[in-house]
């Protein structure tokens, strides 16, 4: 089922890591969605924005994969449901509360994605959250063509650290 296996610790440690991973991805997804609609309102092309982000410090899983391949192409077929992501963010919030860490960000991210879920069908792919952002912003994102493979040299420098010899 997975290419990588990490022993994270005792019972529940793997689940804890999973919820934190999904939280980070969802945070990136909401920031990217905000940026795409605002950027297009300003006159930027969403596909070019993602190309720039992928060689810059804004690179993240949604720019490399899900939003690039399934969101701005309007295929909405990454295989991960938006309702499931909203549920996962509630688990993240509960995890943070359980561990006595106070932060509002999981609720904020969950709120934006739950609002987007109300704009689409209940079984929508998580990349279709863009429809919610479009409706909220009054912008319809320009549909991108089929994404090209990203050349290795465009981000291999990250293995050594950005801007470091």
N, C-alpha and C. Protein backbone atom coordinates (compact mmCIF):
# COMPACT_ATOMS: atom_id res chain seq x y z
N UNK A 1 0.79 -1.19 0.00
CA UNK A 1 0.00 0.00 0.00
C UNK A 1 0.84 1.26 0.00
N UNK A 2 2.01 1.20 0.53
CA UNK A 2 2.85 2.40 0.61
C UNK A 2 4.27 2.07 0.18
N UNK A 3 4.93 3.06 -0.39
CA UNK A 3 6.32 2.89 -0.79
C UNK A 3 7.28 3.09 0.37
N UNK A 4 6.86 3.86 1.36
CA UNK A 4 7.71 4.17 2.50
C UNK A 4 7.00 3.76 3.79
N UNK A 5 7.77 3.17 4.68
CA UNK A 5 7.23 2.79 5.99
C UNK A 5 8.13 3.40 7.05
N UNK A 6 7.51 4.15 7.96
CA UNK A 6 8.24 4.77 9.06
C UNK A 6 7.63 4.30 10.37
N UNK A 7 8.45 3.82 11.27
CA UNK A 7 7.96 3.49 12.60
C UNK A 7 7.95 4.79 13.40
N UNK A 8 6.75 5.24 13.78
CA UNK A 8 6.61 6.55 14.42
C UNK A 8 6.60 6.48 15.95
N UNK A 9 6.39 5.28 16.50
CA UNK A 9 6.34 5.18 17.96
C UNK A 9 5.25 4.23 18.39
N UNK A 10 4.67 4.49 19.55
CA UNK A 10 3.67 3.62 20.13
C UNK A 10 2.32 3.68 19.44
N UNK A 11 1.34 3.04 20.06
CA UNK A 11 -0.01 2.98 19.52
C UNK A 11 -0.55 4.39 19.29
N UNK A 12 -1.03 4.64 18.11
CA UNK A 12 -1.61 5.94 17.75
C UNK A 12 -0.64 6.91 17.11
N UNK A 13 0.64 6.62 17.17
CA UNK A 13 1.62 7.56 16.62
C UNK A 13 1.48 7.71 15.11
N UNK A 14 1.20 6.63 14.43
CA UNK A 14 1.00 6.69 12.98
C UNK A 14 -0.22 7.52 12.62
N UNK A 15 -1.30 7.36 13.39
CA UNK A 15 -2.50 8.16 13.15
C UNK A 15 -2.24 9.64 13.42
N UNK A 16 -1.47 9.91 14.46
CA UNK A 16 -1.11 11.30 14.76
C UNK A 16 -0.35 11.91 13.58
N UNK A 17 0.61 11.18 13.06
CA UNK A 17 1.38 11.69 11.93
C UNK A 17 0.50 11.89 10.71
N UNK A 18 -0.44 10.97 10.48
CA UNK A 18 -1.34 11.09 9.33
C UNK A 18 -2.18 12.36 9.43
N UNK A 19 -2.72 12.65 10.60
CA UNK A 19 -3.56 13.85 10.72
C UNK A 19 -2.73 15.12 10.55
N UNK A 20 -1.50 15.11 11.04
CA UNK A 20 -0.63 16.28 10.88
C UNK A 20 -0.24 16.47 9.41
N UNK A 21 0.03 15.38 8.72
CA UNK A 21 0.34 15.44 7.29
C UNK A 21 -0.83 16.04 6.52
N UNK A 22 -2.03 15.54 6.78
CA UNK A 22 -3.21 16.04 6.06
C UNK A 22 -3.48 17.51 6.38
N UNK A 23 -3.22 17.90 7.61
CA UNK A 23 -3.39 19.29 8.03
C UNK A 23 -2.45 20.22 7.26
N UNK A 24 -1.20 19.81 7.13
CA UNK A 24 -0.23 20.62 6.39
C UNK A 24 -0.63 20.72 4.92
N UNK A 25 -1.05 19.60 4.34
CA UNK A 25 -1.49 19.63 2.94
C UNK A 25 -2.71 20.53 2.79
N UNK A 26 -3.69 20.42 3.70
CA UNK A 26 -4.91 21.24 3.61
C UNK A 26 -4.58 22.73 3.79
N UNK A 27 -3.63 23.04 4.66
CA UNK A 27 -3.21 24.43 4.84
C UNK A 27 -2.60 24.97 3.55
N UNK A 28 -1.78 24.16 2.91
CA UNK A 28 -1.19 24.55 1.62
C UNK A 28 -2.28 24.72 0.56
N UNK A 29 -3.24 23.82 0.57
CA UNK A 29 -4.34 23.86 -0.40
C UNK A 29 -5.15 25.15 -0.27
N UNK A 30 -5.46 25.53 0.95
CA UNK A 30 -6.26 26.75 1.13
C UNK A 30 -5.46 28.00 0.77
N UNK A 31 -4.19 28.05 1.13
CA UNK A 31 -3.36 29.20 0.76
C UNK A 31 -3.20 29.27 -0.76
N UNK A 32 -3.03 28.13 -1.41
CA UNK A 32 -2.92 28.10 -2.87
C UNK A 32 -4.22 28.56 -3.52
N UNK A 33 -5.35 28.09 -3.01
CA UNK A 33 -6.64 28.48 -3.57
C UNK A 33 -6.86 29.98 -3.45
N UNK A 34 -6.54 30.53 -2.26
CA UNK A 34 -6.61 31.99 -2.07
C UNK A 34 -5.74 32.70 -3.11
N UNK A 35 -4.54 32.20 -3.28
CA UNK A 35 -3.57 32.83 -4.17
C UNK A 35 -3.99 32.76 -5.63
N UNK A 36 -4.55 31.62 -6.04
CA UNK A 36 -4.95 31.47 -7.45
C UNK A 36 -6.07 32.43 -7.82
N UNK A 37 -7.11 32.53 -6.98
CA UNK A 37 -8.21 33.43 -7.34
C UNK A 37 -7.77 34.89 -7.24
N UNK A 38 -6.99 35.23 -6.23
CA UNK A 38 -6.52 36.60 -6.09
C UNK A 38 -5.55 36.96 -7.20
N UNK A 39 -4.66 36.03 -7.52
CA UNK A 39 -3.70 36.26 -8.60
C UNK A 39 -4.40 36.47 -9.94
N UNK A 40 -5.41 35.63 -10.23
CA UNK A 40 -6.12 35.80 -11.50
C UNK A 40 -6.88 37.11 -11.52
N UNK A 41 -7.47 37.51 -10.37
CA UNK A 41 -8.14 38.82 -10.30
C UNK A 41 -7.17 39.94 -10.68
N UNK A 42 -5.93 39.77 -10.28
CA UNK A 42 -4.90 40.77 -10.58
C UNK A 42 -4.45 40.71 -12.03
N UNK A 43 -4.64 39.54 -12.66
CA UNK A 43 -4.22 39.39 -14.06
C UNK A 43 -3.19 38.29 -14.29
N UNK A 44 -2.85 37.55 -13.23
CA UNK A 44 -1.89 36.45 -13.38
C UNK A 44 -2.58 35.20 -13.91
N UNK A 45 -1.86 34.42 -14.66
CA UNK A 45 -2.36 33.16 -15.21
C UNK A 45 -2.15 32.05 -14.17
N UNK A 46 -3.20 31.31 -13.79
CA UNK A 46 -3.06 30.27 -12.76
C UNK A 46 -2.00 29.21 -13.08
N UNK A 47 -1.93 28.77 -14.33
CA UNK A 47 -0.93 27.76 -14.70
C UNK A 47 0.48 28.31 -14.53
N UNK A 48 0.70 29.53 -14.96
CA UNK A 48 2.02 30.14 -14.80
C UNK A 48 2.35 30.35 -13.33
N UNK A 49 1.33 30.69 -12.54
CA UNK A 49 1.56 30.85 -11.11
C UNK A 49 2.07 29.55 -10.51
N UNK A 50 1.43 28.44 -10.86
CA UNK A 50 1.86 27.14 -10.34
C UNK A 50 3.26 26.79 -10.82
N UNK A 51 3.57 27.11 -12.08
CA UNK A 51 4.92 26.86 -12.60
C UNK A 51 5.96 27.62 -11.78
N UNK A 52 5.67 28.88 -11.45
CA UNK A 52 6.59 29.69 -10.64
C UNK A 52 6.72 29.11 -9.24
N UNK A 53 5.58 28.78 -8.62
CA UNK A 53 5.60 28.22 -7.27
C UNK A 53 6.42 26.94 -7.21
N UNK A 54 6.35 26.13 -8.26
CA UNK A 54 7.05 24.85 -8.25
C UNK A 54 8.56 24.97 -8.33
N UNK A 55 9.07 26.11 -8.72
CA UNK A 55 10.52 26.31 -8.68
C UNK A 55 10.90 27.33 -7.61
N UNK A 56 9.91 27.77 -6.85
CA UNK A 56 10.15 28.73 -5.78
C UNK A 56 9.85 28.12 -4.42
N UNK A 57 9.83 28.96 -3.43
CA UNK A 57 9.64 28.48 -2.06
C UNK A 57 8.19 28.16 -1.73
N UNK A 58 7.24 28.47 -2.63
CA UNK A 58 5.83 28.14 -2.41
C UNK A 58 5.46 26.73 -2.86
N UNK A 59 6.44 25.98 -3.30
CA UNK A 59 6.17 24.61 -3.78
C UNK A 59 5.56 23.77 -2.66
N UNK A 60 4.57 22.96 -3.02
CA UNK A 60 3.93 22.07 -2.06
C UNK A 60 3.22 20.97 -2.85
N UNK A 61 2.69 19.99 -2.17
CA UNK A 61 2.03 18.88 -2.86
C UNK A 61 0.93 19.35 -3.81
N UNK A 62 0.04 20.27 -3.41
CA UNK A 62 -0.98 20.72 -4.36
C UNK A 62 -0.41 21.39 -5.61
N UNK A 63 0.71 22.11 -5.50
CA UNK A 63 1.29 22.73 -6.70
C UNK A 63 1.98 21.70 -7.57
N UNK A 64 2.61 20.72 -6.95
CA UNK A 64 3.30 19.68 -7.71
C UNK A 64 2.35 18.67 -8.32
N UNK A 65 1.26 18.37 -7.62
CA UNK A 65 0.43 17.26 -8.05
C UNK A 65 -1.05 17.61 -8.16
N UNK A 66 -1.77 17.61 -7.06
CA UNK A 66 -3.22 17.57 -7.11
C UNK A 66 -3.88 18.77 -7.79
N UNK A 67 -3.55 19.98 -7.39
CA UNK A 67 -4.17 21.14 -8.02
C UNK A 67 -3.62 21.33 -9.43
N UNK A 68 -2.35 21.06 -9.63
CA UNK A 68 -1.75 21.18 -10.96
C UNK A 68 -2.38 20.20 -11.94
N UNK A 69 -2.59 18.95 -11.50
CA UNK A 69 -3.10 17.92 -12.41
C UNK A 69 -4.63 17.85 -12.45
N UNK A 70 -5.28 18.08 -11.32
CA UNK A 70 -6.72 17.84 -11.23
C UNK A 70 -7.54 19.08 -10.94
N UNK A 71 -6.95 20.11 -10.37
CA UNK A 71 -7.70 21.30 -10.00
C UNK A 71 -7.82 22.30 -11.13
N UNK A 72 -6.70 22.87 -11.56
CA UNK A 72 -6.79 23.92 -12.59
C UNK A 72 -7.09 23.35 -13.97
N UNK A 73 -6.99 22.04 -14.13
CA UNK A 73 -7.43 21.40 -15.38
C UNK A 73 -8.92 21.09 -15.33
N UNK A 74 -9.51 21.26 -14.15
CA UNK A 74 -10.93 21.01 -13.88
C UNK A 74 -11.32 19.54 -14.08
N UNK A 75 -10.34 18.64 -13.89
CA UNK A 75 -10.64 17.21 -13.93
C UNK A 75 -11.22 16.74 -12.60
N UNK A 76 -10.77 17.34 -11.50
CA UNK A 76 -11.26 17.05 -10.15
C UNK A 76 -11.30 15.54 -9.89
N UNK A 77 -10.16 14.90 -10.08
CA UNK A 77 -10.13 13.44 -9.98
C UNK A 77 -8.85 12.94 -9.32
N UNK A 78 -8.48 13.51 -8.19
CA UNK A 78 -7.25 13.09 -7.51
C UNK A 78 -7.44 11.79 -6.73
N UNK A 79 -8.69 11.48 -6.40
CA UNK A 79 -8.96 10.26 -5.65
C UNK A 79 -9.14 10.46 -4.16
N UNK A 80 -9.13 11.70 -3.69
CA UNK A 80 -9.30 11.99 -2.26
C UNK A 80 -10.46 12.96 -2.11
N UNK A 81 -11.46 12.56 -1.35
CA UNK A 81 -12.68 13.34 -1.23
C UNK A 81 -12.54 14.57 -0.36
N UNK A 82 -13.24 15.63 -0.75
CA UNK A 82 -13.26 16.87 0.02
C UNK A 82 -13.92 16.66 1.38
N UNK A 83 -15.01 15.89 1.42
CA UNK A 83 -15.68 15.62 2.71
C UNK A 83 -14.73 14.89 3.66
N UNK A 84 -13.93 13.99 3.13
CA UNK A 84 -12.97 13.27 3.97
C UNK A 84 -11.90 14.22 4.51
N UNK A 85 -11.48 15.16 3.70
CA UNK A 85 -10.49 16.13 4.17
C UNK A 85 -11.08 17.01 5.27
N UNK A 86 -12.32 17.43 5.10
CA UNK A 86 -12.98 18.24 6.13
C UNK A 86 -13.07 17.44 7.44
N UNK A 87 -13.42 16.16 7.34
CA UNK A 87 -13.48 15.29 8.52
C UNK A 87 -12.10 15.16 9.16
N UNK A 88 -11.08 14.96 8.34
CA UNK A 88 -9.71 14.83 8.85
C UNK A 88 -9.27 16.08 9.62
N UNK A 89 -9.72 17.23 9.18
CA UNK A 89 -9.33 18.46 9.88
C UNK A 89 -10.00 18.59 11.23
N UNK A 90 -11.16 17.99 11.40
CA UNK A 90 -11.79 17.94 12.72
C UNK A 90 -10.96 17.04 13.64
N UNK A 91 -10.44 15.95 13.09
CA UNK A 91 -9.56 15.07 13.87
C UNK A 91 -8.30 15.83 14.28
N UNK A 92 -7.76 16.62 13.35
CA UNK A 92 -6.58 17.43 13.67
C UNK A 92 -6.87 18.39 14.82
N UNK A 93 -8.01 19.06 14.75
CA UNK A 93 -8.39 20.00 15.81
C UNK A 93 -8.48 19.28 17.15
N UNK A 94 -9.12 18.11 17.16
CA UNK A 94 -9.25 17.33 18.39
C UNK A 94 -7.88 16.89 18.90
N UNK A 95 -6.99 16.52 18.01
CA UNK A 95 -5.64 16.11 18.37
C UNK A 95 -4.89 17.26 19.03
N UNK A 96 -5.01 18.44 18.46
CA UNK A 96 -4.33 19.60 19.03
C UNK A 96 -4.90 19.93 20.43
N UNK A 97 -6.22 19.89 20.56
CA UNK A 97 -6.85 20.14 21.86
C UNK A 97 -6.39 19.09 22.87
N UNK A 98 -6.39 17.83 22.46
CA UNK A 98 -5.98 16.73 23.35
C UNK A 98 -4.55 16.93 23.85
N UNK A 99 -3.72 17.51 23.02
CA UNK A 99 -2.32 17.73 23.37
C UNK A 99 -2.06 19.13 23.93
N UNK A 100 -3.14 19.79 24.37
CA UNK A 100 -3.03 21.09 25.02
C UNK A 100 -2.27 22.12 24.20
N UNK A 101 -2.54 22.10 22.88
CA UNK A 101 -1.96 23.13 22.02
C UNK A 101 -3.09 23.96 21.45
N UNK A 102 -3.02 25.26 21.69
CA UNK A 102 -4.07 26.15 21.24
C UNK A 102 -3.66 26.81 19.92
N UNK A 103 -4.47 26.56 18.91
CA UNK A 103 -4.28 27.18 17.60
C UNK A 103 -5.63 27.26 16.91
N UNK A 104 -5.85 28.31 16.19
CA UNK A 104 -7.10 28.49 15.48
C UNK A 104 -7.02 28.01 14.04
N UNK A 105 -5.81 27.75 13.57
CA UNK A 105 -5.64 27.46 12.15
C UNK A 105 -6.39 26.22 11.67
N UNK A 106 -6.41 25.10 12.40
CA UNK A 106 -7.18 23.95 11.88
C UNK A 106 -8.65 24.29 11.67
N UNK A 107 -9.24 25.08 12.56
CA UNK A 107 -10.64 25.48 12.41
C UNK A 107 -10.82 26.41 11.22
N UNK A 108 -9.88 27.30 11.00
CA UNK A 108 -9.96 28.22 9.87
C UNK A 108 -9.88 27.44 8.56
N UNK A 109 -8.88 26.57 8.44
CA UNK A 109 -8.71 25.77 7.22
C UNK A 109 -9.94 24.89 7.00
N UNK A 110 -10.39 24.24 8.07
CA UNK A 110 -11.58 23.38 7.97
C UNK A 110 -12.80 24.19 7.55
N UNK A 111 -12.95 25.39 8.10
CA UNK A 111 -14.09 26.24 7.76
C UNK A 111 -14.13 26.60 6.29
N UNK A 112 -12.99 27.00 5.74
CA UNK A 112 -12.95 27.34 4.32
C UNK A 112 -13.27 26.13 3.45
N UNK A 113 -12.71 24.98 3.81
CA UNK A 113 -12.97 23.77 3.01
C UNK A 113 -14.40 23.28 3.19
N UNK A 114 -14.97 23.42 4.39
CA UNK A 114 -16.38 23.05 4.60
C UNK A 114 -17.29 23.97 3.80
N UNK A 115 -16.97 25.26 3.73
CA UNK A 115 -17.74 26.19 2.90
C UNK A 115 -17.68 25.77 1.44
N UNK A 116 -16.49 25.38 0.98
CA UNK A 116 -16.34 24.92 -0.41
C UNK A 116 -17.15 23.65 -0.65
N UNK A 117 -17.17 22.75 0.34
CA UNK A 117 -17.93 21.50 0.21
C UNK A 117 -19.42 21.79 0.02
N UNK A 118 -19.92 22.84 0.64
CA UNK A 118 -21.33 23.20 0.49
C UNK A 118 -21.66 23.65 -0.94
N UNK A 119 -20.64 24.02 -1.72
CA UNK A 119 -20.84 24.51 -3.08
C UNK A 119 -20.80 23.41 -4.13
N UNK A 120 -20.41 22.21 -3.72
CA UNK A 120 -20.24 21.10 -4.67
C UNK A 120 -21.00 19.87 -4.16
N UNK A 121 -20.98 18.83 -4.93
CA UNK A 121 -21.66 17.59 -4.54
C UNK A 121 -20.95 16.96 -3.34
N UNK A 122 -21.70 16.23 -2.49
CA UNK A 122 -21.14 15.67 -1.26
C UNK A 122 -19.94 14.74 -1.46
N UNK A 123 -19.85 14.09 -2.61
CA UNK A 123 -18.74 13.16 -2.85
C UNK A 123 -17.65 13.77 -3.74
N UNK A 124 -17.60 15.09 -3.81
CA UNK A 124 -16.63 15.79 -4.67
C UNK A 124 -15.20 15.51 -4.26
N UNK A 125 -14.33 15.49 -5.24
CA UNK A 125 -12.90 15.38 -5.02
C UNK A 125 -12.41 16.63 -4.29
N UNK A 126 -11.36 16.47 -3.49
CA UNK A 126 -10.89 17.63 -2.72
C UNK A 126 -10.38 18.76 -3.61
N UNK A 127 -9.95 18.46 -4.82
CA UNK A 127 -9.47 19.51 -5.72
C UNK A 127 -10.61 20.39 -6.22
N UNK A 128 -11.83 19.91 -6.08
CA UNK A 128 -13.00 20.70 -6.51
C UNK A 128 -13.31 21.81 -5.50
N UNK A 129 -12.54 21.87 -4.43
CA UNK A 129 -12.68 23.00 -3.50
C UNK A 129 -12.50 24.32 -4.23
N UNK A 130 -11.77 24.28 -5.34
CA UNK A 130 -11.56 25.50 -6.13
C UNK A 130 -12.89 26.12 -6.56
N UNK A 131 -13.91 25.30 -6.77
CA UNK A 131 -15.23 25.83 -7.14
C UNK A 131 -15.76 26.75 -6.03
N UNK A 132 -15.55 26.35 -4.78
CA UNK A 132 -15.96 27.19 -3.65
C UNK A 132 -15.21 28.51 -3.64
N UNK A 133 -13.92 28.46 -3.93
CA UNK A 133 -13.13 29.69 -3.98
C UNK A 133 -13.59 30.56 -5.14
N UNK A 134 -13.89 29.95 -6.26
CA UNK A 134 -14.37 30.72 -7.42
C UNK A 134 -15.67 31.45 -7.06
N UNK A 135 -16.60 30.74 -6.44
CA UNK A 135 -17.89 31.35 -6.09
C UNK A 135 -17.70 32.46 -5.07
N UNK A 136 -16.83 32.25 -4.09
CA UNK A 136 -16.61 33.25 -3.05
C UNK A 136 -15.92 34.50 -3.61
N UNK A 137 -15.05 34.29 -4.60
CA UNK A 137 -14.27 35.41 -5.14
C UNK A 137 -14.92 36.08 -6.34
N UNK A 138 -15.89 35.40 -6.96
CA UNK A 138 -16.48 35.93 -8.18
C UNK A 138 -15.61 35.74 -9.40
N UNK A 139 -14.63 34.85 -9.32
CA UNK A 139 -13.69 34.59 -10.40
C UNK A 139 -13.82 33.13 -10.83
N UNK A 140 -13.85 32.89 -12.13
CA UNK A 140 -13.75 31.53 -12.64
C UNK A 140 -12.32 31.35 -13.12
N UNK A 141 -11.61 30.44 -12.48
CA UNK A 141 -10.21 30.24 -12.85
C UNK A 141 -10.10 29.74 -14.29
N UNK A 142 -9.13 30.28 -14.99
CA UNK A 142 -8.84 29.87 -16.34
C UNK A 142 -8.47 28.39 -16.32
N UNK A 143 -9.10 27.61 -17.19
CA UNK A 143 -8.82 26.18 -17.26
C UNK A 143 -7.47 25.96 -17.92
N UNK A 144 -6.64 25.17 -17.25
CA UNK A 144 -5.31 24.86 -17.78
C UNK A 144 -5.39 23.62 -18.66
N UNK A 145 -4.47 23.53 -19.58
CA UNK A 145 -4.36 22.35 -20.42
C UNK A 145 -3.69 21.22 -19.65
N UNK A 146 -3.47 20.14 -20.32
CA UNK A 146 -2.82 18.97 -19.71
C UNK A 146 -1.44 19.37 -19.19
N UNK A 147 -1.17 19.07 -17.93
CA UNK A 147 0.13 19.48 -17.36
C UNK A 147 1.29 18.68 -17.96
N UNK A 148 2.40 19.36 -18.11
CA UNK A 148 3.62 18.73 -18.58
C UNK A 148 4.37 18.14 -17.40
N UNK A 149 5.19 17.13 -17.65
CA UNK A 149 6.04 16.62 -16.58
C UNK A 149 7.04 17.70 -16.18
N UNK A 150 7.31 17.78 -14.90
CA UNK A 150 8.24 18.78 -14.39
C UNK A 150 9.65 18.21 -14.51
N UNK A 151 10.54 18.91 -15.22
CA UNK A 151 11.92 18.41 -15.34
C UNK A 151 12.59 18.29 -13.98
N UNK A 152 13.33 17.22 -13.78
CA UNK A 152 14.01 16.99 -12.51
C UNK A 152 14.87 18.17 -12.08
N UNK A 153 15.56 18.78 -13.03
CA UNK A 153 16.47 19.87 -12.67
C UNK A 153 15.73 21.09 -12.11
N UNK A 154 14.42 21.17 -12.36
CA UNK A 154 13.66 22.31 -11.84
C UNK A 154 13.47 22.28 -10.34
N UNK A 155 13.64 21.12 -9.73
CA UNK A 155 13.55 21.13 -8.26
C UNK A 155 14.54 20.22 -7.56
N UNK A 156 15.48 19.62 -8.28
CA UNK A 156 16.52 18.82 -7.63
C UNK A 156 17.39 19.64 -6.69
N UNK A 157 17.50 20.94 -6.96
CA UNK A 157 18.32 21.80 -6.09
C UNK A 157 17.80 21.78 -4.65
N UNK A 158 16.54 21.42 -4.44
CA UNK A 158 15.98 21.36 -3.09
C UNK A 158 16.63 20.26 -2.26
N UNK A 159 17.16 19.24 -2.91
CA UNK A 159 17.81 18.17 -2.17
C UNK A 159 19.05 18.67 -1.44
N UNK A 160 19.61 19.74 -1.93
CA UNK A 160 20.82 20.32 -1.34
C UNK A 160 20.52 21.58 -0.55
N UNK A 161 19.31 22.06 -0.61
CA UNK A 161 18.94 23.31 0.06
C UNK A 161 18.85 24.45 -0.93
N UNK A 162 17.82 25.23 -0.83
CA UNK A 162 17.65 26.36 -1.72
C UNK A 162 18.76 27.38 -1.52
N UNK A 163 19.26 27.86 -2.62
CA UNK A 163 20.25 28.96 -2.61
C UNK A 163 21.45 28.69 -1.72
N UNK A 164 21.85 27.43 -1.64
CA UNK A 164 23.02 27.10 -0.83
C UNK A 164 24.03 26.36 -1.68
N UNK A 165 25.28 26.63 -1.48
CA UNK A 165 26.32 25.96 -2.27
C UNK A 165 26.42 24.47 -1.94
